[in-house]
Amino acid sequence: MTETIVTLTEAAAFQIKDMMKEQEEEHAYLRVGVHGGGCSGLSYGMGFEHERGEDDIELEQHGIKILIDRDSAPILQGTVIDYKQSLLGGGFTINNPNAIATCGCGSSFRTATNAGTPEQC
């Protein structure tokens, strides 16, 4: 399962490396996970972390070490994280094949097996 849980595109990796450098986090892990909340019940989370937990799955792509907790792994299986630049700015896009419903914000979703706990938008 570990080889395809999450895929970073080159554009996303470039942006993440840039952010790591700006925030002086070059030696940190990228934590990718899912937690309850958001309009549709589940929300994505990404951030930098320095410690690997016992239950974390570790991946490496484009020179970035990625941590995913075991509870988030099945929900994120097959997810692609990209970075898109446009005239209005840029941002990360998350394409999760397990999401059956998403919110307009793009960071909240639910799956067929996990609806999470929706919040008011």
PDB file of N, CA and C in Angstrom:
ATOM      1  N   MET A   1       0.821  -1.204   0.000  1.00  0.00           N
ATOM      2  CA  MET A   1       0.000   0.000   0.000  1.00  0.00           C
ATOM      3  C   MET A   1       0.861   1.263   0.000  1.00  0.00           C
ATOM      4  N   THR A   2       2.022   1.265   0.597  1.00  0.00           N
ATOM      5  CA  THR A   2       2.793   2.489   0.807  1.00  0.00           C
ATOM      6  C   THR A   2       3.242   3.174  -0.471  1.00  0.00           C
ATOM      7  N   GLU A   3       3.436   2.423  -1.564  1.00  0.00           N
ATOM      8  CA  GLU A   3       3.998   3.057  -2.748  1.00  0.00           C
ATOM      9  C   GLU A   3       3.068   4.052  -3.423  1.00  0.00           C
ATOM     10  N   THR A   4       1.767   3.940  -3.262  1.00  0.00           N
ATOM     11  CA  THR A   4       0.862   4.862  -3.953  1.00  0.00           C
ATOM     12  C   THR A   4      -0.123   5.570  -3.032  1.00  0.00           C
ATOM     13  N   ILE A   5       0.163   5.653  -1.764  1.00  0.00           N
ATOM     14  CA  ILE A   5      -0.782   6.337  -0.871  1.00  0.00           C
ATOM     15  C   ILE A   5      -0.970   7.768  -1.342  1.00  0.00           C
ATOM     16  N   VAL A   6       0.117   8.497  -1.456  1.00  0.00           N
ATOM     17  CA  VAL A   6       0.078   9.896  -1.902  1.00  0.00           C
ATOM     18  C   VAL A   6       1.176  10.092  -2.939  1.00  0.00           C
ATOM     19  N   THR A   7       0.857  10.794  -4.009  1.00  0.00           N
ATOM     20  CA  THR A   7       1.841  11.130  -5.033  1.00  0.00           C
ATOM     21  C   THR A   7       1.972  12.643  -5.108  1.00  0.00           C
ATOM     22  N   LEU A   8       3.196  13.141  -4.980  1.00  0.00           N
ATOM     23  CA  LEU A   8       3.467  14.564  -5.186  1.00  0.00           C
ATOM     24  C   LEU A   8       3.899  14.766  -6.623  1.00  0.00           C
ATOM     25  N   THR A   9       3.306  15.739  -7.298  1.00  0.00           N
ATOM     26  CA  THR A   9       3.793  16.080  -8.623  1.00  0.00           C
ATOM     27  C   THR A   9       5.082  16.879  -8.470  1.00  0.00           C
ATOM     28  N   GLU A  10       5.811  17.040  -9.571  1.00  0.00           N
ATOM     29  CA  GLU A  10       7.041  17.834  -9.515  1.00  0.00           C
ATOM     30  C   GLU A  10       6.742  19.274  -9.120  1.00  0.00           C
ATOM     31  N   ALA A  11       5.626  19.821  -9.628  1.00  0.00           N
ATOM     32  CA  ALA A  11       5.262  21.202  -9.293  1.00  0.00           C
ATOM     33  C   ALA A  11       4.988  21.352  -7.803  1.00  0.00           C
ATOM     34  N   ALA A  12       4.290  20.386  -7.218  1.00  0.00           N
ATOM     35  CA  ALA A  12       4.011  20.430  -5.777  1.00  0.00           C
ATOM     36  C   ALA A  12       5.302  20.300  -4.977  1.00  0.00           C
ATOM     37  N   ALA A  13       6.167  19.391  -5.389  1.00  0.00           N
ATOM     38  CA  ALA A  13       7.434  19.190  -4.683  1.00  0.00           C
ATOM     39  C   ALA A  13       8.293  20.447  -4.735  1.00  0.00           C
ATOM     40  N   PHE A  14       8.335  21.094  -5.889  1.00  0.00           N
ATOM     41  CA  PHE A  14       9.107  22.328  -6.027  1.00  0.00           C
ATOM     42  C   PHE A  14       8.581  23.391  -5.064  1.00  0.00           C
ATOM     43  N   GLN A  15       7.259  23.544  -4.992  1.00  0.00           N
ATOM     44  CA  GLN A  15       6.654  24.537  -4.105  1.00  0.00           C
ATOM     45  C   GLN A  15       6.902  24.190  -2.635  1.00  0.00           C
ATOM     46  N   ILE A  16       6.792  22.913  -2.291  1.00  0.00           N
ATOM     47  CA  ILE A  16       7.018  22.487  -0.911  1.00  0.00           C
ATOM     48  C   ILE A  16       8.467  22.740  -0.506  1.00  0.00           C
ATOM     49  N   LYS A  17       9.411  22.411  -1.387  1.00  0.00           N
ATOM     50  CA  LYS A  17      10.829  22.672  -1.091  1.00  0.00           C
ATOM     51  C   LYS A  17      11.075  24.165  -0.897  1.00  0.00           C
ATOM     52  N   ASP A  18      10.422  24.985  -1.710  1.00  0.00           N
ATOM     53  CA  ASP A  18      10.536  26.436  -1.583  1.00  0.00           C
ATOM     54  C   ASP A  18      10.005  26.896  -0.221  1.00  0.00           C
ATOM     55  N   MET A  19       8.864  26.362   0.189  1.00  0.00           N
ATOM     56  CA  MET A  19       8.272  26.714   1.481  1.00  0.00           C
ATOM     57  C   MET A  19       9.163  26.244   2.625  1.00  0.00           C
ATOM     58  N   MET A  20       9.740  25.063   2.489  1.00  0.00           N
ATOM     59  CA  MET A  20      10.628  24.534   3.529  1.00  0.00           C
ATOM     60  C   MET A  20      11.836  25.452   3.703  1.00  0.00           C
ATOM     61  N   LYS A  21      12.368  25.917   2.595  1.00  0.00           N
ATOM     62  CA  LYS A  21      13.522  26.811   2.649  1.00  0.00           C
ATOM     63  C   LYS A  21      13.140  28.142   3.298  1.00  0.00           C
ATOM     64  N   GLU A  22      12.001  28.717   2.877  1.00  0.00           N
ATOM     65  CA  GLU A  22      11.542  29.992   3.436  1.00  0.00           C
ATOM     66  C   GLU A  22      11.324  29.904   4.942  1.00  0.00           C
ATOM     67  N   GLN A  23      10.796  28.777   5.395  1.00  0.00           N
ATOM     68  CA  GLN A  23      10.473  28.605   6.812  1.00  0.00           C
ATOM     69  C   GLN A  23      11.598  27.917   7.592  1.00  0.00           C
ATOM     70  N   GLU A  24      12.751  27.746   6.940  1.00  0.00           N
ATOM     71  CA  GLU A  24      13.906  27.094   7.557  1.00  0.00           C
ATOM     72  C   GLU A  24      13.540  25.711   8.101  1.00  0.00           C
ATOM     73  N   GLU A  25      12.833  24.949   7.285  1.00  0.00           N
ATOM     74  CA  GLU A  25      12.391  23.601   7.646  1.00  0.00           C
ATOM     75  C   GLU A  25      12.954  22.564   6.678  1.00  0.00           C
ATOM     76  N   GLU A  26      14.136  22.818   6.105  1.00  0.00           N
ATOM     77  CA  GLU A  26      14.691  21.935   5.077  1.00  0.00           C
ATOM     78  C   GLU A  26      14.862  20.491   5.521  1.00  0.00           C
ATOM     79  N   HIS A  27      15.000  20.243   6.812  1.00  0.00           N
ATOM     80  CA  HIS A  27      15.228  18.885   7.301  1.00  0.00           C
ATOM     81  C   HIS A  27      13.967  18.269   7.913  1.00  0.00           C
ATOM     82  N   ALA A  28      12.845  18.937   7.732  1.00  0.00           N
ATOM     83  CA  ALA A  28      11.591  18.448   8.300  1.00  0.00           C
ATOM     84  C   ALA A  28      10.927  17.442   7.361  1.00  0.00           C
ATOM     85  N   TYR A  29       9.972  16.716   7.912  1.00  0.00           N
ATOM     86  CA  TYR A  29       9.089  15.853   7.139  1.00  0.00           C
ATOM     87  C   TYR A  29       7.888  16.688   6.696  1.00  0.00           C
ATOM     88  N   LEU A  30       7.265  16.282   5.610  1.00  0.00           N
ATOM     89  CA  LEU A  30       5.967  16.827   5.226  1.00  0.00           C
ATOM     90  C   LEU A  30       4.922  15.873   5.768  1.00  0.00           C
ATOM     91  N   ARG A  31       4.087  16.348   6.678  1.00  0.00           N
ATOM     92  CA  ARG A  31       3.010  15.539   7.238  1.00  0.00           C
ATOM     93  C   ARG A  31       1.768  15.756   6.383  1.00  0.00           C
ATOM     94  N   VAL A  32       1.193  14.669   5.876  1.00  0.00           N
ATOM     95  CA  VAL A  32      -0.058  14.720   5.114  1.00  0.00           C
ATOM     96  C   VAL A  32      -1.046  13.837   5.848  1.00  0.00           C
ATOM     97  N   GLY A  33      -2.230  14.379   6.121  1.00  0.00           N
ATOM     98  CA  GLY A  33      -3.208  13.600   6.861  1.00  0.00           C
ATOM     99  C   GLY A  33      -4.621  14.073   6.638  1.00  0.00           C
ATOM    100  N   VAL A  34      -5.510  13.424   7.327  1.00  0.00           N
ATOM    101  CA  VAL A  34      -6.939  13.707   7.255  1.00  0.00           C
ATOM    102  C   VAL A  34      -7.453  13.813   8.687  1.00  0.00           C
ATOM    103  N   HIS A  35      -8.326  14.773   8.936  1.00  0.00           N
ATOM    104  CA  HIS A  35      -8.968  14.869  10.251  1.00  0.00           C
ATOM    105  C   HIS A  35     -10.436  15.229  10.058  1.00  0.00           C
ATOM    106  N   GLY A  36     -11.239  14.977  11.076  1.00  0.00           N
ATOM    107  CA  GLY A  36     -12.659  15.282  11.018  1.00  0.00           C
ATOM    108  C   GLY A  36     -12.901  16.775  10.990  1.00  0.00           C
ATOM    109  N   GLY A  37     -13.942  17.184  10.290  1.00  0.00           N
ATOM    110  CA  GLY A  37     -14.304  18.596  10.216  1.00  0.00           C
ATOM    111  C   GLY A  37     -14.474  19.045   8.782  1.00  0.00           C
ATOM    112  N   GLY A  38     -14.706  20.331   8.604  1.00  0.00           N
ATOM    113  CA  GLY A  38     -14.942  20.863   7.268  1.00  0.00           C
ATOM    114  C   GLY A  38     -16.394  20.684   6.874  1.00  0.00           C
ATOM    115  N   CYS A  39     -16.791  21.315   5.803  1.00  0.00           N
ATOM    116  CA  CYS A  39     -18.185  21.302   5.345  1.00  0.00           C
ATOM    117  C   CYS A  39     -18.689  19.903   4.998  1.00  0.00           C
ATOM    118  N   SER A  40     -17.814  19.066   4.448  1.00  0.00           N
ATOM    119  CA  SER A  40     -18.230  17.734   4.011  1.00  0.00           C
ATOM    120  C   SER A  40     -17.912  16.633   5.019  1.00  0.00           C
ATOM    121  N   GLY A  41     -17.212  16.948   6.100  1.00  0.00           N
ATOM    122  CA  GLY A  41     -16.975  15.973   7.153  1.00  0.00           C
ATOM    123  C   GLY A  41     -15.525  15.625   7.406  1.00  0.00           C
ATOM    124  N   LEU A  42     -14.679  15.663   6.386  1.00  0.00           N
ATOM    125  CA  LEU A  42     -13.256  15.382   6.537  1.00  0.00           C
ATOM    126  C   LEU A  42     -12.467  16.518   5.910  1.00  0.00           C
ATOM    127  N   SER A  43     -11.299  16.814   6.446  1.00  0.00           N
ATOM    128  CA  SER A  43     -10.438  17.860   5.897  1.00  0.00           C
ATOM    129  C   SER A  43      -9.018  17.335   5.763  1.00  0.00           C
ATOM    130  N   TYR A  44      -8.334  17.849   4.754  1.00  0.00           N
ATOM    131  CA  TYR A  44      -6.927  17.513   4.552  1.00  0.00           C
ATOM    132  C   TYR A  44      -6.065  18.388   5.451  1.00  0.00           C
ATOM    133  N   GLY A  45      -4.926  17.863   5.833  1.00  0.00           N
ATOM    134  CA  GLY A  45      -3.956  18.645   6.582  1.00  0.00           C
ATOM    135  C   GLY A  45      -2.567  18.394   6.022  1.00  0.00           C
ATOM    136  N   MET A  46      -1.791  19.458   5.891  1.00  0.00           N
ATOM    137  CA  MET A  46      -0.392  19.351   5.480  1.00  0.00           C
ATOM    138  C   MET A  46       0.412  20.311   6.327  1.00  0.00           C
ATOM    139  N   GLY A  47       1.578  19.872   6.761  1.00  0.00           N
ATOM    140  CA  GLY A  47       2.438  20.736   7.556  1.00  0.00           C
ATOM    141  C   GLY A  47       3.801  20.087   7.726  1.00  0.00           C
ATOM    142  N   PHE A  48       4.698  20.824   8.348  1.00  0.00           N
ATOM    143  CA  PHE A  48       6.053  20.326   8.565  1.00  0.00           C
ATOM    144  C   PHE A  48       6.187  19.792   9.982  1.00  0.00           C
ATOM    145  N   GLU A  49       6.936  18.710  10.104  1.00  0.00           N
ATOM    146  CA  GLU A  49       7.113  18.059  11.392  1.00  0.00           C
ATOM    147  C   GLU A  49       8.531  17.507  11.472  1.00  0.00           C
ATOM    148  N   HIS A  50       9.073  17.456  12.688  1.00  0.00           N
ATOM    149  CA  HIS A  50      10.448  16.989  12.853  1.00  0.00           C
ATOM    150  C   HIS A  50      10.564  15.582  13.418  1.00  0.00           C
ATOM    151  N   GLU A  51       9.483  15.057  13.959  1.00  0.00           N
ATOM    152  CA  GLU A  51       9.524  13.730  14.588  1.00  0.00           C
ATOM    153  C   GLU A  51       8.606  12.770  13.849  1.00  0.00           C
ATOM    154  N   ARG A  52       9.104  11.571  13.644  1.00  0.00           N
ATOM    155  CA  ARG A  52       8.286  10.514  13.063  1.00  0.00           C
ATOM    156  C   ARG A  52       7.647   9.733  14.197  1.00  0.00           C
ATOM    157  N   GLY A  53       6.347   9.516  14.109  1.00  0.00           N
ATOM    158  CA  GLY A  53       5.642   8.741  15.125  1.00  0.00           C
ATOM    159  C   GLY A  53       5.737   7.248  14.858  1.00  0.00           C
ATOM    160  N   GLU A  54       5.447   6.462  15.886  1.00  0.00           N
ATOM    161  CA  GLU A  54       5.491   5.004  15.791  1.00  0.00           C
ATOM    162  C   GLU A  54       4.600   4.450  14.698  1.00  0.00           C
ATOM    163  N   ASP A  55       3.424   5.034  14.546  1.00  0.00           N
ATOM    164  CA  ASP A  55       2.434   4.528  13.591  1.00  0.00           C
ATOM    165  C   ASP A  55       2.471   5.237  12.247  1.00  0.00           C
ATOM    166  N   ASP A  56       3.505   6.030  12.002  1.00  0.00           N
ATOM    167  CA  ASP A  56       3.595   6.755  10.731  1.00  0.00           C
ATOM    168  C   ASP A  56       4.155   5.884   9.620  1.00  0.00           C
ATOM    169  N   ILE A  57       3.646   6.097   8.436  1.00  0.00           N
ATOM    170  CA  ILE A  57       4.194   5.505   7.224  1.00  0.00           C
ATOM    171  C   ILE A  57       5.064   6.586   6.597  1.00  0.00           C
ATOM    172  N   GLU A  58       6.291   6.222   6.227  1.00  0.00           N
ATOM    173  CA  GLU A  58       7.210   7.202   5.647  1.00  0.00           C
ATOM    174  C   GLU A  58       7.412   6.912   4.160  1.00  0.00           C
ATOM    175  N   LEU A  59       7.274   7.928   3.347  1.00  0.00           N
ATOM    176  CA  LEU A  59       7.524   7.858   1.914  1.00  0.00           C
ATOM    177  C   LEU A  59       8.570   8.910   1.573  1.00  0.00           C
ATOM    178  N   GLU A  60       9.167   8.801   0.407  1.00  0.00           N
ATOM    179  CA  GLU A  60      10.036   9.865  -0.079  1.00  0.00           C
ATOM    180  C   GLU A  60       9.787  10.052  -1.562  1.00  0.00           C
ATOM    181  N   GLN A  61       9.524  11.294  -1.948  1.00  0.00           N
ATOM    182  CA  GLN A  61       9.292  11.630  -3.348  1.00  0.00           C
ATOM    183  C   GLN A  61       9.946  12.963  -3.657  1.00  0.00           C
ATOM    184  N   HIS A  62      10.661  13.017  -4.753  1.00  0.00           N
ATOM    185  CA  HIS A  62      11.327  14.246  -5.198  1.00  0.00           C
ATOM    186  C   HIS A  62      12.207  14.840  -4.094  1.00  0.00           C
ATOM    187  N   GLY A  63      12.796  13.983  -3.257  1.00  0.00           N
ATOM    188  CA  GLY A  63      13.669  14.458  -2.193  1.00  0.00           C
ATOM    189  C   GLY A  63      12.938  14.960  -0.956  1.00  0.00           C
ATOM    190  N   ILE A  64      11.629  14.778  -0.896  1.00  0.00           N
ATOM    191  CA  ILE A  64      10.837  15.209   0.258  1.00  0.00           C
ATOM    192  C   ILE A  64      10.397  13.965   1.027  1.00  0.00           C
ATOM    193  N   LYS A  65      10.679  13.954   2.329  1.00  0.00           N
ATOM    194  CA  LYS A  65      10.231  12.859   3.183  1.00  0.00           C
ATOM    195  C   LYS A  65       8.814  13.177   3.647  1.00  0.00           C
ATOM    196  N   ILE A  66       7.913  12.222   3.444  1.00  0.00           N
ATOM    197  CA  ILE A  66       6.488  12.406   3.732  1.00  0.00           C
ATOM    198  C   ILE A  66       6.073  11.447   4.835  1.00  0.00           C
ATOM    199  N   LEU A  67       5.303  11.946   5.791  1.00  0.00           N
ATOM    200  CA  LEU A  67       4.725  11.116   6.851  1.00  0.00           C
ATOM    201  C   LEU A  67       3.217  11.078   6.700  1.00  0.00           C
ATOM    202  N   ILE A  68       2.656   9.882   6.841  1.00  0.00           N
ATOM    203  CA  ILE A  68       1.203   9.697   6.802  1.00  0.00           C
ATOM    204  C   ILE A  68       0.843   8.778   7.959  1.00  0.00           C
ATOM    205  N   ASP A  69      -0.104   9.197   8.783  1.00  0.00           N
ATOM    206  CA  ASP A  69      -0.513   8.324   9.887  1.00  0.00           C
ATOM    207  C   ASP A  69      -1.352   7.171   9.334  1.00  0.00           C
ATOM    208  N   ARG A  70      -1.310   6.047  10.030  1.00  0.00           N
ATOM    209  CA  ARG A  70      -1.968   4.822   9.540  1.00  0.00           C
ATOM    210  C   ARG A  70      -3.483   4.975   9.396  1.00  0.00           C
ATOM    211  N   ASP A  71      -4.115   5.842  10.185  1.00  0.00           N
ATOM    212  CA  ASP A  71      -5.557   6.044  10.060  1.00  0.00           C
ATOM    213  C   ASP A  71      -5.906   6.805   8.779  1.00  0.00           C
ATOM    214  N   SER A  72      -5.037   7.724   8.364  1.00  0.00           N
ATOM    215  CA  SER A  72      -5.285   8.516   7.155  1.00  0.00           C
ATOM    216  C   SER A  72      -4.951   7.748   5.882  1.00  0.00           C
ATOM    217  N   ALA A  73      -4.046   6.775   5.972  1.00  0.00           N
ATOM    218  CA  ALA A  73      -3.543   6.080   4.783  1.00  0.00           C
ATOM    219  C   ALA A  73      -4.637   5.505   3.882  1.00  0.00           C
ATOM    220  N   PRO A  74      -5.612   4.750   4.399  1.00  0.00           N
ATOM    221  CA  PRO A  74      -6.616   4.185   3.494  1.00  0.00           C
ATOM    222  C   PRO A  74      -7.487   5.261   2.836  1.00  0.00           C
ATOM    223  N   ILE A  75      -7.714   6.354   3.548  1.00  0.00           N
ATOM    224  CA  ILE A  75      -8.530   7.445   3.011  1.00  0.00           C
ATOM    225  C   ILE A  75      -7.778   8.191   1.914  1.00  0.00           C
ATOM    226  N   LEU A  76      -6.451   8.263   2.036  1.00  0.00           N
ATOM    227  CA  LEU A  76      -5.620   8.991   1.079  1.00  0.00           C
ATOM    228  C   LEU A  76      -5.098   8.113  -0.059  1.00  0.00           C
ATOM    229  N   GLN A  77      -5.349   6.817  -0.013  1.00  0.00           N
ATOM    230  CA  GLN A  77      -4.806   5.890  -1.010  1.00  0.00           C
ATOM    231  C   GLN A  77      -5.078   6.382  -2.435  1.00  0.00           C
ATOM    232  N   GLY A  78      -4.014   6.603  -3.220  1.00  0.00           N
ATOM    233  CA  GLY A  78      -4.148   7.026  -4.609  1.00  0.00           C
ATOM    234  C   GLY A  78      -4.247   8.525  -4.822  1.00  0.00           C
ATOM    235  N   THR A  79      -4.139   9.310  -3.755  1.00  0.00           N
ATOM    236  CA  THR A  79      -4.275  10.765  -3.840  1.00  0.00           C
ATOM    237  C   THR A  79      -3.068  11.399  -4.532  1.00  0.00           C
ATOM    238  N   VAL A  80      -3.341  12.399  -5.380  1.00  0.00           N
ATOM    239  CA  VAL A  80      -2.295  13.153  -6.061  1.00  0.00           C
ATOM    240  C   VAL A  80      -2.351  14.596  -5.573  1.00  0.00           C
ATOM    241  N   ILE A  81      -1.213  15.093  -5.097  1.00  0.00           N
ATOM    242  CA  ILE A  81      -1.113  16.484  -4.657  1.00  0.00           C
ATOM    243  C   ILE A  81      -0.321  17.239  -5.712  1.00  0.00           C
ATOM    244  N   ASP A  82      -0.926  18.304  -6.240  1.00  0.00           N
ATOM    245  CA  ASP A  82      -0.312  19.104  -7.297  1.00  0.00           C
ATOM    246  C   ASP A  82      -0.286  20.557  -6.851  1.00  0.00           C
ATOM    247  N   TYR A  83       0.437  21.373  -7.579  1.00  0.00           N
ATOM    248  CA  TYR A  83       0.450  22.813  -7.331  1.00  0.00           C
ATOM    249  C   TYR A  83       0.165  23.492  -8.655  1.00  0.00           C
ATOM    250  N   LYS A  84      -0.851  24.344  -8.658  1.00  0.00           N
ATOM    251  CA  LYS A  84      -1.264  25.058  -9.869  1.00  0.00           C
ATOM    252  C   LYS A  84      -1.027  26.543  -9.687  1.00  0.00           C
ATOM    253  N   GLN A  85      -0.460  27.156 -10.707  1.00  0.00           N
ATOM    254  CA  GLN A  85      -0.228  28.608 -10.716  1.00  0.00           C
ATOM    255  C   GLN A  85      -1.193  29.221 -11.722  1.00  0.00           C
ATOM    256  N   SER A  86      -1.823  30.343 -11.351  1.00  0.00           N
ATOM    257  CA  SER A  86      -2.717  31.043 -12.271  1.00  0.00           C
ATOM    258  C   SER A  86      -2.520  32.546 -12.118  1.00  0.00           C
ATOM    259  N   LEU A  87      -3.254  33.314 -12.873  1.00  0.00           N
ATOM    260  CA  LEU A  87      -3.166  34.769 -12.790  1.00  0.00           C
ATOM    261  C   LEU A  87      -3.566  35.297 -11.417  1.00  0.00           C
ATOM    262  N   LEU A  88      -4.408  34.552 -10.732  1.00  0.00           N
ATOM    263  CA  LEU A  88      -4.889  34.974  -9.416  1.00  0.00           C
ATOM    264  C   LEU A  88      -4.015  34.454  -8.278  1.00  0.00           C
ATOM    265  N   GLY A  89      -2.957  33.764  -8.610  1.00  0.00           N
ATOM    266  CA  GLY A  89      -2.075  33.209  -7.581  1.00  0.00           C
ATOM    267  C   GLY A  89      -1.930  31.720  -7.773  1.00  0.00           C
ATOM    268  N   GLY A  90      -1.451  31.067  -6.754  1.00  0.00           N
ATOM    269  CA  GLY A  90      -1.244  29.625  -6.847  1.00  0.00           C
ATOM    270  C   GLY A  90      -1.774  28.917  -5.631  1.00  0.00           C
ATOM    271  N   GLY A  91      -1.889  27.614  -5.752  1.00  0.00           N
ATOM    272  CA  GLY A  91      -2.343  26.831  -4.616  1.00  0.00           C
ATOM    273  C   GLY A  91      -2.236  25.347  -4.884  1.00  0.00           C
ATOM    274  N   PHE A  92      -2.257  24.586  -3.814  1.00  0.00           N
ATOM    275  CA  PHE A  92      -2.207  23.136  -3.930  1.00  0.00           C
ATOM    276  C   PHE A  92      -3.575  22.607  -4.305  1.00  0.00           C
ATOM    277  N   THR A  93      -3.591  21.590  -5.141  1.00  0.00           N
ATOM    278  CA  THR A  93      -4.833  20.889  -5.470  1.00  0.00           C
ATOM    279  C   THR A  93      -4.656  19.440  -5.036  1.00  0.00           C
ATOM    280  N   ILE A  94      -5.711  18.869  -4.518  1.00  0.00           N
ATOM    281  CA  ILE A  94      -5.672  17.495  -4.029  1.00  0.00           C
ATOM    282  C   ILE A  94      -6.730  16.702  -4.776  1.00  0.00           C
ATOM    283  N   ASN A  95      -6.286  15.687  -5.493  1.00  0.00           N
ATOM    284  CA  ASN A  95      -7.192  14.826  -6.233  1.00  0.00           C
ATOM    285  C   ASN A  95      -7.213  13.476  -5.537  1.00  0.00           C
ATOM    286  N   ASN A  96      -8.290  13.228  -4.808  1.00  0.00           N
ATOM    287  CA  ASN A  96      -8.438  12.001  -4.034  1.00  0.00           C
ATOM    288  C   ASN A  96      -9.503  11.128  -4.695  1.00  0.00           C
ATOM    289  N   PRO A  97      -9.115   9.986  -5.257  1.00  0.00           N
ATOM    290  CA  PRO A  97     -10.092   9.130  -5.929  1.00  0.00           C
ATOM    291  C   PRO A  97     -11.111   8.513  -4.973  1.00  0.00           C
ATOM    292  N   ASN A  98     -10.867   8.593  -3.676  1.00  0.00           N
ATOM    293  CA  ASN A  98     -11.786   8.034  -2.683  1.00  0.00           C
ATOM    294  C   ASN A  98     -12.877   9.013  -2.270  1.00  0.00           C
ATOM    295  N   ALA A  99     -12.731  10.287  -2.621  1.00  0.00           N
ATOM    296  CA  ALA A  99     -13.718  11.296  -2.229  1.00  0.00           C
ATOM    297  C   ALA A  99     -14.961  11.163  -3.105  1.00  0.00           C
ATOM    298  N   ILE A 100     -16.119  11.021  -2.469  1.00  0.00           N
ATOM    299  CA  ILE A 100     -17.371  10.930  -3.221  1.00  0.00           C
ATOM    300  C   ILE A 100     -18.138  12.250  -3.187  1.00  0.00           C
ATOM    301  N   ALA A 101     -17.752  13.147  -2.280  1.00  0.00           N
ATOM    302  CA  ALA A 101     -18.373  14.466  -2.195  1.00  0.00           C
ATOM    303  C   ALA A 101     -17.328  15.437  -1.667  1.00  0.00           C
ATOM    304  N   THR A 102     -17.307  16.632  -2.240  1.00  0.00           N
ATOM    305  CA  THR A 102     -16.374  17.666  -1.791  1.00  0.00           C
ATOM    306  C   THR A 102     -17.132  18.956  -1.573  1.00  0.00           C
ATOM    307  N   CYS A 103     -16.521  19.847  -0.844  1.00  0.00           N
ATOM    308  CA  CYS A 103     -17.095  21.154  -0.571  1.00  0.00           C
ATOM    309  C   CYS A 103     -16.475  22.152  -1.555  1.00  0.00           C
ATOM    310  N   GLY A 104     -17.107  23.288  -1.726  1.00  0.00           N
ATOM    311  CA  GLY A 104     -16.598  24.316  -2.618  1.00  0.00           C
ATOM    312  C   GLY A 104     -15.221  24.821  -2.235  1.00  0.00           C
ATOM    313  N   CYS A 105     -14.843  24.693  -0.974  1.00  0.00           N
ATOM    314  CA  CYS A 105     -13.535  25.158  -0.524  1.00  0.00           C
ATOM    315  C   CYS A 105     -12.401  24.297  -1.060  1.00  0.00           C
ATOM    316  N   GLY A 106     -12.717  23.052  -1.443  1.00  0.00           N
ATOM    317  CA  GLY A 106     -11.717  22.166  -2.009  1.00  0.00           C
ATOM    318  C   GLY A 106     -10.879  21.418  -0.999  1.00  0.00           C
ATOM    319  N   SER A 107     -11.020  21.733   0.284  1.00  0.00           N
ATOM    320  CA  SER A 107     -10.215  21.022   1.285  1.00  0.00           C
ATOM    321  C   SER A 107     -11.061  20.143   2.188  1.00  0.00           C
ATOM    322  N   SER A 108     -12.345  20.060   1.921  1.00  0.00           N
ATOM    323  CA  SER A 108     -13.237  19.237   2.717  1.00  0.00           C
ATOM    324  C   SER A 108     -13.901  18.203   1.807  1.00  0.00           C
ATOM    325  N   PHE A 109     -14.061  16.983   2.326  1.00  0.00           N
ATOM    326  CA  PHE A 109     -14.595  15.895   1.507  1.00  0.00           C
ATOM    327  C   PHE A 109     -15.162  14.809   2.393  1.00  0.00           C
ATOM    328  N   ARG A 110     -15.773  13.813   1.774  1.00  0.00           N
ATOM    329  CA  ARG A 110     -16.151  12.594   2.477  1.00  0.00           C
ATOM    330  C   ARG A 110     -15.958  11.433   1.522  1.00  0.00           C
ATOM    331  N   THR A 111     -15.798  10.244   2.102  1.00  0.00           N
ATOM    332  CA  THR A 111     -15.627   9.035   1.299  1.00  0.00           C
ATOM    333  C   THR A 111     -16.843   8.155   1.518  1.00  0.00           C
ATOM    334  N   ALA A 112     -16.924   7.085   0.751  1.00  0.00           N
ATOM    335  CA  ALA A 112     -18.045   6.150   0.882  1.00  0.00           C
ATOM    336  C   ALA A 112     -18.050   5.477   2.248  1.00  0.00           C
ATOM    337  N   THR A 113     -16.876   5.324   2.859  1.00  0.00           N
ATOM    338  CA  THR A 113     -16.800   4.616   4.138  1.00  0.00           C
ATOM    339  C   THR A 113     -16.561   5.536   5.324  1.00  0.00           C
ATOM    340  N   ASN A 114     -16.308   6.828   5.082  1.00  0.00           N
ATOM    341  CA  ASN A 114     -16.005   7.747   6.188  1.00  0.00           C
ATOM    342  C   ASN A 114     -16.560   9.135   5.883  1.00  0.00           C
ATOM    343  N   ALA A 115     -17.618   9.495   6.591  1.00  0.00           N
ATOM    344  CA  ALA A 115     -18.242  10.796   6.373  1.00  0.00           C
ATOM    345  C   ALA A 115     -17.695  11.868   7.302  1.00  0.00           C
ATOM    346  N   GLY A 116     -16.941  11.476   8.331  1.00  0.00           N
ATOM    347  CA  GLY A 116     -16.406  12.461   9.251  1.00  0.00           C
ATOM    348  C   GLY A 116     -17.499  13.171  10.017  1.00  0.00           C
ATOM    349  N   THR A 117     -17.208  14.384  10.496  1.00  0.00           N
ATOM    350  CA  THR A 117     -18.167  15.197  11.235  1.00  0.00           C
ATOM    351  C   THR A 117     -18.258  16.557  10.574  1.00  0.00           C
ATOM    352  N   PRO A 118     -19.297  16.781   9.743  1.00  0.00           N
ATOM    353  CA  PRO A 118     -19.407  18.053   9.036  1.00  0.00           C
ATOM    354  C   PRO A 118     -19.566  19.245   9.987  1.00  0.00           C
ATOM    355  N   GLU A 119     -19.017  20.378   9.560  1.00  0.00           N
ATOM    356  CA  GLU A 119     -19.169  21.644  10.268  1.00  0.00           C
ATOM    357  C   GLU A 119     -19.943  22.599   9.376  1.00  0.00           C
ATOM    358  N   GLN A 120     -20.435  23.659   9.937  1.00  0.00           N
ATOM    359  CA  GLN A 120     -21.126  24.681   9.151  1.00  0.00           C
ATOM    360  C   GLN A 120     -20.121  25.465   8.331  1.00  0.00           C
ATOM    361  N   CYS A 121     -20.447  25.763   7.077  1.00  0.00           N
ATOM    362  CA  CYS A 121     -19.562  26.587   6.222  1.00  0.00           C
ATOM    363  C   CYS A 121     -19.920  28.049   6.375  1.00  0.00           C
TER     364      CYS A 121
END
